[in-house]
Amino acid sequence: MVLFAVALTVTSACAINVGKGMQKKAAKTLPRFGLTSVRTYVSDRAWRRGLELDILGGAGMLLALSIAPMSVVQPASASGVAILAVVSHVYLGESLSMREWRGVASCALGIVVLSRFAEGGGDTAPLGGGRLFFAVILGIVFFLTPSVVLRRYSAGITATDAKRYELIKVGAQCGMSFALSAACVKIGMRYLHNWLLLRAPVAFSVGAALTALGLYFQTKGLRDGSSIVVVCVAGNVAQMCVAAVYGLMILGEPVPHTVFSLLGWITSWAFIMYGVIALGGSDSGAALAAARDVRGQAVLPVTAIGPGAHPRAKLNVH
């Protein structure tokens, strides 16, 4: 079942990333995102289709979470951008740099290793009051950390750096929202498993609210003309980190029992993390959504996102 959950997760992640690309493309012609412009966004057909793909992928993620640990599903979801890069290369004729091919290979290897060494099953007991309180406090700390760090180091920096840090913060908050939403879903499933029918709807409602919050941060970041790289990379990295902490510390999910299996499991995370960062220069989601090559320059020409990142000129394939 772990292998099926990983395959379902990667497929769902592809749908989510294509949806993000469609929303990014549509957002370029829409006003700045905010509470007063929500109706404008929802009424836009292209943006709405991207949101529908996003939601469809999210439903697939929920199904994967119901049959596999959160600490398996979340890192697998981060590798969806690698599948998108390959599809864009084959379907659109996009040329991938050597760094991006390394990222694709690293994600693929990480998924294979994760499928081999990840443990299924785990504790199904409902969370006690103490652990639930700790989960809430930890979630608040996670959410406040990007803002505190940004405020601490924003003094005296250039406008370009300030914009970059703000996008990283938004991306991190987006990833945290989705990871915490997944944790709430897992908690709700445990309540259902133990017939705690009054607590389960509360957990699912909090999860839905966190998903909506994640979509808000995502749309806010993608509204910036070329911020999809920063938002997605920061979001995926934050999502993996939060999933590891909540999956292992709060939900008590199983880890491999032998030293060899544990090292393999940790290595799979390292491969996926490196692959996601190495693919930071790829805009395959937007390219696939537009059904043509829309690759542009690296989002931040003065900033390297991952090893070997460098500015690239726009390519047009006819």
C-alpha atoms as a PDB file:
ATOM      1  CA  MET A   1       0.000   0.000   0.000  1.00  0.00           C
ATOM      2  CA  VAL A   2       2.922   2.358   0.572  1.00  0.00           C
ATOM      3  CA  LEU A   3       3.971   2.016  -3.082  1.00  0.00           C
ATOM      4  CA  PHE A   4       0.429   2.801  -4.261  1.00  0.00           C
ATOM      5  CA  ALA A   5       0.244   5.792  -1.920  1.00  0.00           C
ATOM      6  CA  VAL A   6       3.551   7.154  -3.245  1.00  0.00           C
ATOM      7  CA  ALA A   7       2.392   6.749  -6.882  1.00  0.00           C
ATOM      8  CA  LEU A   8      -0.929   8.447  -6.088  1.00  0.00           C
ATOM      9  CA  THR A   9       0.879  11.239  -4.280  1.00  0.00           C
ATOM     10  CA  VAL A  10       3.236  11.976  -7.180  1.00  0.00           C
ATOM     11  CA  THR A  11       0.321  12.009  -9.646  1.00  0.00           C
ATOM     12  CA  SER A  12      -1.661  14.336  -7.413  1.00  0.00           C
ATOM     13  CA  ALA A  13       1.378  16.595  -7.021  1.00  0.00           C
ATOM     14  CA  CYS A  14       1.587  16.892 -10.814  1.00  0.00           C
ATOM     15  CA  ALA A  15      -2.031  18.061 -10.943  1.00  0.00           C
ATOM     16  CA  ILE A  16      -1.358  20.559  -8.162  1.00  0.00           C
ATOM     17  CA  ASN A  17       1.722  21.991  -9.888  1.00  0.00           C
ATOM     18  CA  VAL A  18      -0.046  22.306 -13.255  1.00  0.00           C
ATOM     19  CA  GLY A  19      -2.870  24.056 -11.413  1.00  0.00           C
ATOM     20  CA  LYS A  20      -0.370  26.447  -9.860  1.00  0.00           C
ATOM     21  CA  GLY A  21       1.035  27.205 -13.302  1.00  0.00           C
ATOM     22  CA  MET A  22      -2.432  27.943 -14.666  1.00  0.00           C
ATOM     23  CA  GLN A  23      -3.230  30.197 -11.708  1.00  0.00           C
ATOM     24  CA  LYS A  24       0.071  32.040 -12.115  1.00  0.00           C
ATOM     25  CA  LYS A  25      -0.560  32.664 -15.804  1.00  0.00           C
ATOM     26  CA  ALA A  26      -4.116  33.871 -15.171  1.00  0.00           C
ATOM     27  CA  ALA A  27      -3.077  36.048 -12.221  1.00  0.00           C
ATOM     28  CA  LYS A  28      -0.910  38.225 -14.480  1.00  0.00           C
ATOM     29  CA  THR A  29      -4.046  39.872 -15.900  1.00  0.00           C
ATOM     30  CA  LEU A  30      -5.887  40.102 -12.582  1.00  0.00           C
ATOM     31  CA  PRO A  31      -5.680  42.744  -9.827  1.00  0.00           C
ATOM     32  CA  ARG A  32      -3.548  42.285  -6.747  1.00  0.00           C
ATOM     33  CA  PHE A  33      -4.954  39.430  -4.683  1.00  0.00           C
ATOM     34  CA  GLY A  34      -6.827  40.336  -1.513  1.00  0.00           C
ATOM     35  CA  LEU A  35     -10.141  39.881   0.221  1.00  0.00           C
ATOM     36  CA  THR A  36     -11.754  42.496  -2.029  1.00  0.00           C
ATOM     37  CA  SER A  37     -10.599  40.789  -5.249  1.00  0.00           C
ATOM     38  CA  VAL A  38     -11.551  37.186  -4.419  1.00  0.00           C
ATOM     39  CA  ARG A  39     -14.704  37.376  -6.547  1.00  0.00           C
ATOM     40  CA  THR A  40     -12.679  38.623  -9.527  1.00  0.00           C
ATOM     41  CA  TYR A  41     -10.320  35.668  -9.261  1.00  0.00           C
ATOM     42  CA  VAL A  42     -13.111  33.111  -8.885  1.00  0.00           C
ATOM     43  CA  SER A  43     -14.965  34.493 -11.899  1.00  0.00           C
ATOM     44  CA  ASP A  44     -11.864  34.174 -14.112  1.00  0.00           C
ATOM     45  CA  ARG A  45     -12.177  30.912 -16.084  1.00  0.00           C
ATOM     46  CA  ALA A  46      -8.457  30.143 -16.447  1.00  0.00           C
ATOM     47  CA  TRP A  47      -7.689  30.818 -12.776  1.00  0.00           C
ATOM     48  CA  ARG A  48     -10.699  28.755 -11.725  1.00  0.00           C
ATOM     49  CA  ARG A  49      -9.550  25.782 -13.829  1.00  0.00           C
ATOM     50  CA  GLY A  50      -6.163  25.957 -12.161  1.00  0.00           C
ATOM     51  CA  LEU A  51      -7.865  25.990  -8.775  1.00  0.00           C
ATOM     52  CA  GLU A  52      -9.959  22.974  -9.767  1.00  0.00           C
ATOM     53  CA  LEU A  53      -6.818  21.037 -10.695  1.00  0.00           C
ATOM     54  CA  ASP A  54      -5.300  22.126  -7.404  1.00  0.00           C
ATOM     55  CA  ILE A  55      -8.320  20.828  -5.497  1.00  0.00           C
ATOM     56  CA  LEU A  56      -8.387  17.575  -7.499  1.00  0.00           C
ATOM     57  CA  GLY A  57      -4.746  16.998  -6.641  1.00  0.00           C
ATOM     58  CA  GLY A  58      -5.521  17.803  -3.021  1.00  0.00           C
ATOM     59  CA  ALA A  59      -8.258  15.154  -3.000  1.00  0.00           C
ATOM     60  CA  GLY A  60      -5.714  12.628  -4.256  1.00  0.00           C
ATOM     61  CA  MET A  61      -3.395  13.680  -1.455  1.00  0.00           C
ATOM     62  CA  LEU A  62      -6.148  13.068   1.094  1.00  0.00           C
ATOM     63  CA  LEU A  63      -6.652   9.573  -0.257  1.00  0.00           C
ATOM     64  CA  ALA A  64      -2.908   8.938  -0.061  1.00  0.00           C
ATOM     65  CA  LEU A  65      -2.871  10.224   3.529  1.00  0.00           C
ATOM     66  CA  SER A  66      -5.602   7.763   4.431  1.00  0.00           C
ATOM     67  CA  ILE A  67      -3.406   4.783   3.506  1.00  0.00           C
ATOM     68  CA  ALA A  68       0.152   5.957   4.244  1.00  0.00           C
ATOM     69  CA  PRO A  69       1.966   7.989   6.927  1.00  0.00           C
ATOM     70  CA  MET A  70       2.206  11.747   6.553  1.00  0.00           C
ATOM     71  CA  SER A  71       6.012  11.511   6.686  1.00  0.00           C
ATOM     72  CA  VAL A  72       5.851   9.415   3.486  1.00  0.00           C
ATOM     73  CA  VAL A  73       3.197  11.349   1.556  1.00  0.00           C
ATOM     74  CA  GLN A  74       4.590  14.854   2.033  1.00  0.00           C
ATOM     75  CA  PRO A  75       8.148  14.265   0.724  1.00  0.00           C
ATOM     76  CA  ALA A  76       6.711  12.304  -2.216  1.00  0.00           C
ATOM     77  CA  SER A  77       4.436  15.235  -3.053  1.00  0.00           C
ATOM     78  CA  ALA A  78       7.414  17.581  -3.203  1.00  0.00           C
ATOM     79  CA  SER A  79       8.866  15.566  -6.091  1.00  0.00           C
ATOM     80  CA  GLY A  80       5.890  16.248  -8.368  1.00  0.00           C
ATOM     81  CA  VAL A  81       7.787  19.125  -9.953  1.00  0.00           C
ATOM     82  CA  ALA A  82      10.294  16.595 -11.340  1.00  0.00           C
ATOM     83  CA  ILE A  83       7.530  14.735 -13.194  1.00  0.00           C
ATOM     84  CA  LEU A  84       6.300  18.044 -14.583  1.00  0.00           C
ATOM     85  CA  ALA A  85       9.776  18.893 -15.849  1.00  0.00           C
ATOM     86  CA  VAL A  86      10.002  15.582 -17.728  1.00  0.00           C
ATOM     87  CA  VAL A  87       6.486  15.906 -19.179  1.00  0.00           C
ATOM     88  CA  SER A  88       7.250  19.442 -20.337  1.00  0.00           C
ATOM     89  CA  HIS A  89      10.471  18.218 -21.932  1.00  0.00           C
ATOM     90  CA  VAL A  90       8.737  15.385 -23.820  1.00  0.00           C
ATOM     91  CA  TYR A  91       5.436  17.096 -24.608  1.00  0.00           C
ATOM     92  CA  LEU A  92       6.592  20.673 -25.226  1.00  0.00           C
ATOM     93  CA  GLY A  93      10.170  20.096 -26.317  1.00  0.00           C
ATOM     94  CA  GLU A  94      11.515  22.110 -23.406  1.00  0.00           C
ATOM     95  CA  SER A  95      15.243  21.863 -22.960  1.00  0.00           C
ATOM     96  CA  LEU A  96      16.347  21.116 -19.417  1.00  0.00           C
ATOM     97  CA  SER A  97      19.715  22.194 -18.113  1.00  0.00           C
ATOM     98  CA  MET A  98      22.139  19.650 -16.694  1.00  0.00           C
ATOM     99  CA  ARG A  99      21.310  20.944 -13.215  1.00  0.00           C
ATOM    100  CA  GLU A 100      17.611  20.307 -13.791  1.00  0.00           C
ATOM    101  CA  TRP A 101      18.261  16.797 -15.099  1.00  0.00           C
ATOM    102  CA  ARG A 102      20.243  16.151 -11.923  1.00  0.00           C
ATOM    103  CA  GLY A 103      17.224  17.381  -9.972  1.00  0.00           C
ATOM    104  CA  VAL A 104      14.885  15.052 -11.881  1.00  0.00           C
ATOM    105  CA  ALA A 105      17.208  12.080 -11.340  1.00  0.00           C
ATOM    106  CA  SER A 106      17.623  12.949  -7.656  1.00  0.00           C
ATOM    107  CA  CYS A 107      13.839  13.140  -7.092  1.00  0.00           C
ATOM    108  CA  ALA A 108      13.270   9.881  -8.989  1.00  0.00           C
ATOM    109  CA  LEU A 109      15.951   8.101  -6.986  1.00  0.00           C
ATOM    110  CA  GLY A 110      14.558   9.541  -3.766  1.00  0.00           C
ATOM    111  CA  ILE A 111      11.062   8.261  -4.584  1.00  0.00           C
ATOM    112  CA  VAL A 112      12.383   4.775  -5.368  1.00  0.00           C
ATOM    113  CA  VAL A 113      14.397   4.646  -2.140  1.00  0.00           C
ATOM    114  CA  LEU A 114      11.494   6.081  -0.111  1.00  0.00           C
ATOM    115  CA  SER A 115       9.132   3.433  -1.519  1.00  0.00           C
ATOM    116  CA  ARG A 116      11.621   0.729  -0.586  1.00  0.00           C
ATOM    117  CA  PHE A 117      12.361   1.745   3.005  1.00  0.00           C
ATOM    118  CA  ALA A 118       9.276   3.668   4.204  1.00  0.00           C
ATOM    119  CA  GLU A 119       7.153   1.991   6.852  1.00  0.00           C
ATOM    120  CA  GLY A 120       3.387   1.748   6.518  1.00  0.00           C
ATOM    121  CA  GLY A 121       0.748   1.563   9.215  1.00  0.00           C
ATOM    122  CA  GLY A 122       1.501   3.205  12.531  1.00  0.00           C
ATOM    123  CA  ASP A 123      -0.352   4.282  15.642  1.00  0.00           C
ATOM    124  CA  THR A 124      -4.129   4.713  15.266  1.00  0.00           C
ATOM    125  CA  ALA A 125      -4.846   5.913  18.812  1.00  0.00           C
ATOM    126  CA  PRO A 126      -6.371   9.406  19.124  1.00  0.00           C
ATOM    127  CA  LEU A 127      -4.134  12.223  20.328  1.00  0.00           C
ATOM    128  CA  GLY A 128      -4.237  12.974  24.027  1.00  0.00           C
ATOM    129  CA  GLY A 129      -4.791  16.442  25.398  1.00  0.00           C
ATOM    130  CA  GLY A 130      -1.105  17.083  26.119  1.00  0.00           C
ATOM    131  CA  ARG A 131       0.095  16.074  22.672  1.00  0.00           C
ATOM    132  CA  LEU A 132      -2.723  18.020  21.008  1.00  0.00           C
ATOM    133  CA  PHE A 133      -1.795  21.146  22.993  1.00  0.00           C
ATOM    134  CA  PHE A 134       1.840  20.699  21.961  1.00  0.00           C
ATOM    135  CA  ALA A 135       0.740  20.354  18.316  1.00  0.00           C
ATOM    136  CA  VAL A 136      -1.139  23.665  18.477  1.00  0.00           C
ATOM    137  CA  ILE A 137       1.786  25.503  20.115  1.00  0.00           C
ATOM    138  CA  LEU A 138       4.206  24.017  17.604  1.00  0.00           C
ATOM    139  CA  GLY A 139       1.989  25.106  14.710  1.00  0.00           C
ATOM    140  CA  ILE A 140       1.873  28.678  16.017  1.00  0.00           C
ATOM    141  CA  VAL A 141       5.658  28.687  16.360  1.00  0.00           C
ATOM    142  CA  PHE A 142       6.068  27.419  12.804  1.00  0.00           C
ATOM    143  CA  PHE A 143       3.799  30.150  11.444  1.00  0.00           C
ATOM    144  CA  LEU A 144       5.454  32.962  13.392  1.00  0.00           C
ATOM    145  CA  THR A 145       9.040  31.936  12.620  1.00  0.00           C
ATOM    146  CA  PRO A 146       9.195  33.220   8.972  1.00  0.00           C
ATOM    147  CA  SER A 147       7.765  36.617   9.964  1.00  0.00           C
ATOM    148  CA  VAL A 148      10.102  36.946  12.949  1.00  0.00           C
ATOM    149  CA  VAL A 149      13.146  35.973  10.881  1.00  0.00           C
ATOM    150  CA  LEU A 150      12.152  38.373   8.084  1.00  0.00           C
ATOM    151  CA  ARG A 151      11.697  41.256  10.513  1.00  0.00           C
ATOM    152  CA  ARG A 152      14.994  40.430  12.228  1.00  0.00           C
ATOM    153  CA  TYR A 153      17.075  40.492   9.042  1.00  0.00           C
ATOM    154  CA  SER A 154      15.164  42.983   6.875  1.00  0.00           C
ATOM    155  CA  ALA A 155      16.867  46.092   8.249  1.00  0.00           C
ATOM    156  CA  GLY A 156      19.305  47.684   5.829  1.00  0.00           C
ATOM    157  CA  ILE A 157      18.736  45.340   2.886  1.00  0.00           C
ATOM    158  CA  THR A 158      17.990  46.356  -0.684  1.00  0.00           C
ATOM    159  CA  ALA A 159      14.508  46.417  -2.168  1.00  0.00           C
ATOM    160  CA  THR A 160      15.357  43.376  -4.323  1.00  0.00           C
ATOM    161  CA  ASP A 161      16.466  41.361  -1.308  1.00  0.00           C
ATOM    162  CA  ALA A 162      13.421  42.502   0.671  1.00  0.00           C
ATOM    163  CA  LYS A 163      11.149  41.244  -2.112  1.00  0.00           C
ATOM    164  CA  ARG A 164      13.018  37.942  -2.254  1.00  0.00           C
ATOM    165  CA  TYR A 165      12.749  37.399   1.509  1.00  0.00           C
ATOM    166  CA  GLU A 166       9.052  38.279   1.442  1.00  0.00           C
ATOM    167  CA  LEU A 167       8.422  35.673  -1.280  1.00  0.00           C
ATOM    168  CA  ILE A 168      10.360  33.057   0.688  1.00  0.00           C
ATOM    169  CA  LYS A 169       8.243  33.868   3.734  1.00  0.00           C
ATOM    170  CA  VAL A 170       4.994  33.571   1.772  1.00  0.00           C
ATOM    171  CA  GLY A 171       6.125  30.297   0.198  1.00  0.00           C
ATOM    172  CA  ALA A 172       7.121  28.868   3.578  1.00  0.00           C
ATOM    173  CA  GLN A 173       3.785  29.853   5.116  1.00  0.00           C
ATOM    174  CA  CYS A 174       2.013  28.269   2.151  1.00  0.00           C
ATOM    175  CA  GLY A 175       3.874  24.976   2.600  1.00  0.00           C
ATOM    176  CA  MET A 176       3.343  25.021   6.366  1.00  0.00           C
ATOM    177  CA  SER A 177      -0.394  25.563   5.889  1.00  0.00           C
ATOM    178  CA  PHE A 178      -0.727  22.539   3.616  1.00  0.00           C
ATOM    179  CA  ALA A 179       1.440  20.350   5.865  1.00  0.00           C
ATOM    180  CA  LEU A 180      -0.521  21.328   8.981  1.00  0.00           C
ATOM    181  CA  SER A 181      -3.748  20.707   7.078  1.00  0.00           C
ATOM    182  CA  ALA A 182      -2.509  17.188   6.300  1.00  0.00           C
ATOM    183  CA  ALA A 183      -1.720  16.691   9.988  1.00  0.00           C
ATOM    184  CA  CYS A 184      -5.268  17.745  10.923  1.00  0.00           C
ATOM    185  CA  VAL A 185      -6.670  15.268   8.405  1.00  0.00           C
ATOM    186  CA  LYS A 186      -4.591  12.457   9.916  1.00  0.00           C
ATOM    187  CA  ILE A 187      -5.760  13.437  13.409  1.00  0.00           C
ATOM    188  CA  GLY A 188      -9.384  13.504  12.208  1.00  0.00           C
ATOM    189  CA  MET A 189      -8.987  10.048  10.675  1.00  0.00           C
ATOM    190  CA  ARG A 190      -7.770   8.730  14.011  1.00  0.00           C
ATOM    191  CA  TYR A 191     -10.812  10.195  15.730  1.00  0.00           C
ATOM    192  CA  LEU A 192     -13.058   8.473  13.184  1.00  0.00           C
ATOM    193  CA  HIS A 193     -11.192   5.212  13.641  1.00  0.00           C
ATOM    194  CA  ASN A 194     -11.913   5.382  17.365  1.00  0.00           C
ATOM    195  CA  TRP A 195     -15.524   6.540  16.900  1.00  0.00           C
ATOM    196  CA  LEU A 196     -14.924   9.981  18.380  1.00  0.00           C
ATOM    197  CA  LEU A 197     -17.542  11.450  16.072  1.00  0.00           C
ATOM    198  CA  LEU A 198     -17.701  14.882  17.699  1.00  0.00           C
ATOM    199  CA  ARG A 199     -13.972  15.544  17.546  1.00  0.00           C
ATOM    200  CA  ALA A 200     -13.416  14.368  13.958  1.00  0.00           C
ATOM    201  CA  PRO A 201     -15.439  17.191  12.285  1.00  0.00           C
ATOM    202  CA  VAL A 202     -13.479  19.756  14.300  1.00  0.00           C
ATOM    203  CA  ALA A 203     -10.169  18.350  13.076  1.00  0.00           C
ATOM    204  CA  PHE A 204     -11.399  18.226   9.473  1.00  0.00           C
ATOM    205  CA  SER A 205     -12.752  21.785   9.719  1.00  0.00           C
ATOM    206  CA  VAL A 206      -9.409  23.084  10.984  1.00  0.00           C
ATOM    207  CA  GLY A 207      -7.727  21.188   8.146  1.00  0.00           C
ATOM    208  CA  ALA A 208     -10.052  22.805   5.596  1.00  0.00           C
ATOM    209  CA  ALA A 209      -9.347  26.244   7.073  1.00  0.00           C
ATOM    210  CA  LEU A 210      -5.596  25.626   6.851  1.00  0.00           C
ATOM    211  CA  THR A 211      -5.969  24.502   3.224  1.00  0.00           C
ATOM    212  CA  ALA A 212      -7.833  27.726   2.441  1.00  0.00           C
ATOM    213  CA  LEU A 213      -5.068  29.663   4.195  1.00  0.00           C
ATOM    214  CA  GLY A 214      -2.463  27.823   2.128  1.00  0.00           C
ATOM    215  CA  LEU A 215      -4.333  28.699  -1.080  1.00  0.00           C
ATOM    216  CA  TYR A 216      -4.401  32.328   0.034  1.00  0.00           C
ATOM    217  CA  PHE A 217      -0.616  32.413   0.564  1.00  0.00           C
ATOM    218  CA  GLN A 218      -0.082  30.511  -2.690  1.00  0.00           C
ATOM    219  CA  THR A 219      -2.190  32.933  -4.730  1.00  0.00           C
ATOM    220  CA  LYS A 220      -0.570  35.893  -3.013  1.00  0.00           C
ATOM    221  CA  GLY A 221       2.869  34.627  -4.011  1.00  0.00           C
ATOM    222  CA  LEU A 222       1.952  33.568  -7.549  1.00  0.00           C
ATOM    223  CA  ARG A 223       0.373  36.967  -8.207  1.00  0.00           C
ATOM    224  CA  ASP A 224       3.886  38.416  -8.352  1.00  0.00           C
ATOM    225  CA  GLY A 225       4.883  38.238 -12.023  1.00  0.00           C
ATOM    226  CA  SER A 226       7.599  35.574 -11.814  1.00  0.00           C
ATOM    227  CA  SER A 227       7.602  34.293  -8.258  1.00  0.00           C
ATOM    228  CA  ILE A 228       6.451  30.722  -8.854  1.00  0.00           C
ATOM    229  CA  VAL A 229       9.975  29.319  -8.404  1.00  0.00           C
ATOM    230  CA  VAL A 230      10.610  30.906  -5.020  1.00  0.00           C
ATOM    231  CA  VAL A 231       7.124  30.213  -3.712  1.00  0.00           C
ATOM    232  CA  CYS A 232       7.094  26.562  -4.802  1.00  0.00           C
ATOM    233  CA  VAL A 233      10.624  25.738  -3.633  1.00  0.00           C
ATOM    234  CA  ALA A 234      10.169  27.433  -0.258  1.00  0.00           C
ATOM    235  CA  GLY A 235       6.744  25.818   0.090  1.00  0.00           C
ATOM    236  CA  ASN A 236       7.976  22.312  -0.730  1.00  0.00           C
ATOM    237  CA  VAL A 237      10.930  22.541   1.636  1.00  0.00           C
ATOM    238  CA  ALA A 238       8.776  23.920   4.472  1.00  0.00           C
ATOM    239  CA  GLN A 239       6.139  21.261   3.801  1.00  0.00           C
ATOM    240  CA  MET A 240       8.691  18.458   4.087  1.00  0.00           C
ATOM    241  CA  CYS A 241      10.179  19.837   7.300  1.00  0.00           C
ATOM    242  CA  VAL A 242       6.813  20.344   9.014  1.00  0.00           C
ATOM    243  CA  ALA A 243       5.654  16.889   7.866  1.00  0.00           C
ATOM    244  CA  ALA A 244       8.737  15.278   9.387  1.00  0.00           C
ATOM    245  CA  VAL A 245       8.245  17.013  12.746  1.00  0.00           C
ATOM    246  CA  TYR A 246       4.496  16.412  12.986  1.00  0.00           C
ATOM    247  CA  GLY A 247       4.597  12.915  11.530  1.00  0.00           C
ATOM    248  CA  LEU A 248       7.270  11.649  13.891  1.00  0.00           C
ATOM    249  CA  MET A 249       6.779  13.773  17.033  1.00  0.00           C
ATOM    250  CA  ILE A 250       3.020  14.396  17.111  1.00  0.00           C
ATOM    251  CA  LEU A 251       1.481  11.489  15.214  1.00  0.00           C
ATOM    252  CA  GLY A 252       4.074   8.937  16.274  1.00  0.00           C
ATOM    253  CA  GLU A 253       4.442   7.524  12.773  1.00  0.00           C
ATOM    254  CA  PRO A 254       6.807   4.566  12.374  1.00  0.00           C
ATOM    255  CA  VAL A 255      10.394   4.847  11.215  1.00  0.00           C
ATOM    256  CA  PRO A 256      12.419   1.959   9.767  1.00  0.00           C
ATOM    257  CA  HIS A 257      13.537  -0.429  12.472  1.00  0.00           C
ATOM    258  CA  THR A 258      16.994  -1.410  11.215  1.00  0.00           C
ATOM    259  CA  VAL A 259      19.961   0.941  10.909  1.00  0.00           C
ATOM    260  CA  PHE A 260      20.308   0.176   7.190  1.00  0.00           C
ATOM    261  CA  SER A 261      16.627   0.915   6.515  1.00  0.00           C
ATOM    262  CA  LEU A 262      16.766   4.094   8.604  1.00  0.00           C
ATOM    263  CA  LEU A 263      19.788   5.347   6.662  1.00  0.00           C
ATOM    264  CA  GLY A 264      18.006   4.540   3.406  1.00  0.00           C
ATOM    265  CA  TRP A 265      14.906   6.431   4.559  1.00  0.00           C
ATOM    266  CA  ILE A 266      16.948   9.499   5.531  1.00  0.00           C
ATOM    267  CA  THR A 267      18.859   9.306   2.243  1.00  0.00           C
ATOM    268  CA  SER A 268      15.590   9.300   0.284  1.00  0.00           C
ATOM    269  CA  TRP A 269      14.597  12.572   1.988  1.00  0.00           C
ATOM    270  CA  ALA A 270      17.995  14.070   1.133  1.00  0.00           C
ATOM    271  CA  PHE A 271      17.648  13.062  -2.532  1.00  0.00           C
ATOM    272  CA  ILE A 272      14.161  14.554  -2.802  1.00  0.00           C
ATOM    273  CA  MET A 273      15.165  17.752  -1.003  1.00  0.00           C
ATOM    274  CA  TYR A 274      18.162  18.254  -3.299  1.00  0.00           C
ATOM    275  CA  GLY A 275      16.058  17.496  -6.382  1.00  0.00           C
ATOM    276  CA  VAL A 276      13.392  20.035  -5.431  1.00  0.00           C
ATOM    277  CA  ILE A 277      16.003  22.753  -4.870  1.00  0.00           C
ATOM    278  CA  ALA A 278      17.897  21.836  -8.056  1.00  0.00           C
ATOM    279  CA  LEU A 279      14.673  22.175 -10.028  1.00  0.00           C
ATOM    280  CA  GLY A 280      14.196  25.661  -8.600  1.00  0.00           C
ATOM    281  CA  GLY A 281      14.853  27.231 -11.994  1.00  0.00           C
ATOM    282  CA  SER A 282      12.167  25.210 -13.767  1.00  0.00           C
ATOM    283  CA  ASP A 283       8.805  26.759 -14.616  1.00  0.00           C
ATOM    284  CA  SER A 284       7.338  23.583 -16.085  1.00  0.00           C
ATOM    285  CA  GLY A 285       3.932  23.982 -14.475  1.00  0.00           C
ATOM    286  CA  ALA A 286       3.253  27.245 -16.254  1.00  0.00           C
ATOM    287  CA  ALA A 287       4.719  25.884 -19.478  1.00  0.00           C
ATOM    288  CA  LEU A 288       2.491  22.829 -19.436  1.00  0.00           C
ATOM    289  CA  ALA A 289      -0.563  24.874 -18.553  1.00  0.00           C
ATOM    290  CA  ALA A 290       0.015  27.202 -21.520  1.00  0.00           C
ATOM    291  CA  ALA A 291       0.769  24.240 -23.880  1.00  0.00           C
ATOM    292  CA  ARG A 292       3.834  26.071 -25.155  1.00  0.00           C
ATOM    293  CA  ASP A 293       7.283  27.020 -23.925  1.00  0.00           C
ATOM    294  CA  VAL A 294       6.990  29.837 -21.429  1.00  0.00           C
ATOM    295  CA  ARG A 295      10.292  29.372 -19.695  1.00  0.00           C
ATOM    296  CA  GLY A 296      11.783  32.639 -18.556  1.00  0.00           C
ATOM    297  CA  GLN A 297      14.760  33.895 -16.657  1.00  0.00           C
ATOM    298  CA  ALA A 298      15.478  32.653 -13.200  1.00  0.00           C
ATOM    299  CA  VAL A 299      13.140  34.423 -10.823  1.00  0.00           C
ATOM    300  CA  LEU A 300      15.946  36.108  -8.946  1.00  0.00           C
ATOM    301  CA  PRO A 301      18.899  36.851 -11.275  1.00  0.00           C
ATOM    302  CA  VAL A 302      21.073  37.886  -8.340  1.00  0.00           C
ATOM    303  CA  THR A 303      20.192  34.867  -6.232  1.00  0.00           C
ATOM    304  CA  ALA A 304      21.190  31.232  -6.632  1.00  0.00           C
ATOM    305  CA  ILE A 305      18.430  28.845  -5.639  1.00  0.00           C
ATOM    306  CA  GLY A 306      20.246  25.635  -4.973  1.00  0.00           C
ATOM    307  CA  PRO A 307      23.674  24.644  -6.264  1.00  0.00           C
ATOM    308  CA  GLY A 308      24.522  25.725  -9.777  1.00  0.00           C
ATOM    309  CA  ALA A 309      21.620  28.147 -10.195  1.00  0.00           C
ATOM    310  CA  HIS A 310      22.241  30.902 -12.688  1.00  0.00           C
ATOM    311  CA  PRO A 311      20.222  33.366 -14.802  1.00  0.00           C
ATOM    312  CA  ARG A 312      18.959  32.050 -18.104  1.00  0.00           C
ATOM    313  CA  ALA A 313      17.660  33.830 -21.135  1.00  0.00           C
ATOM    314  CA  LYS A 314      14.079  33.330 -22.255  1.00  0.00           C
ATOM    315  CA  LEU A 315      13.593  30.606 -24.849  1.00  0.00           C
ATOM    316  CA  ASN A 316      10.773  30.594 -27.381  1.00  0.00           C
ATOM    317  CA  VAL A 317       9.881  27.346 -29.070  1.00  0.00           C
ATOM    318  CA  HIS A 318       7.525  27.573 -32.025  1.00  0.00           C
END
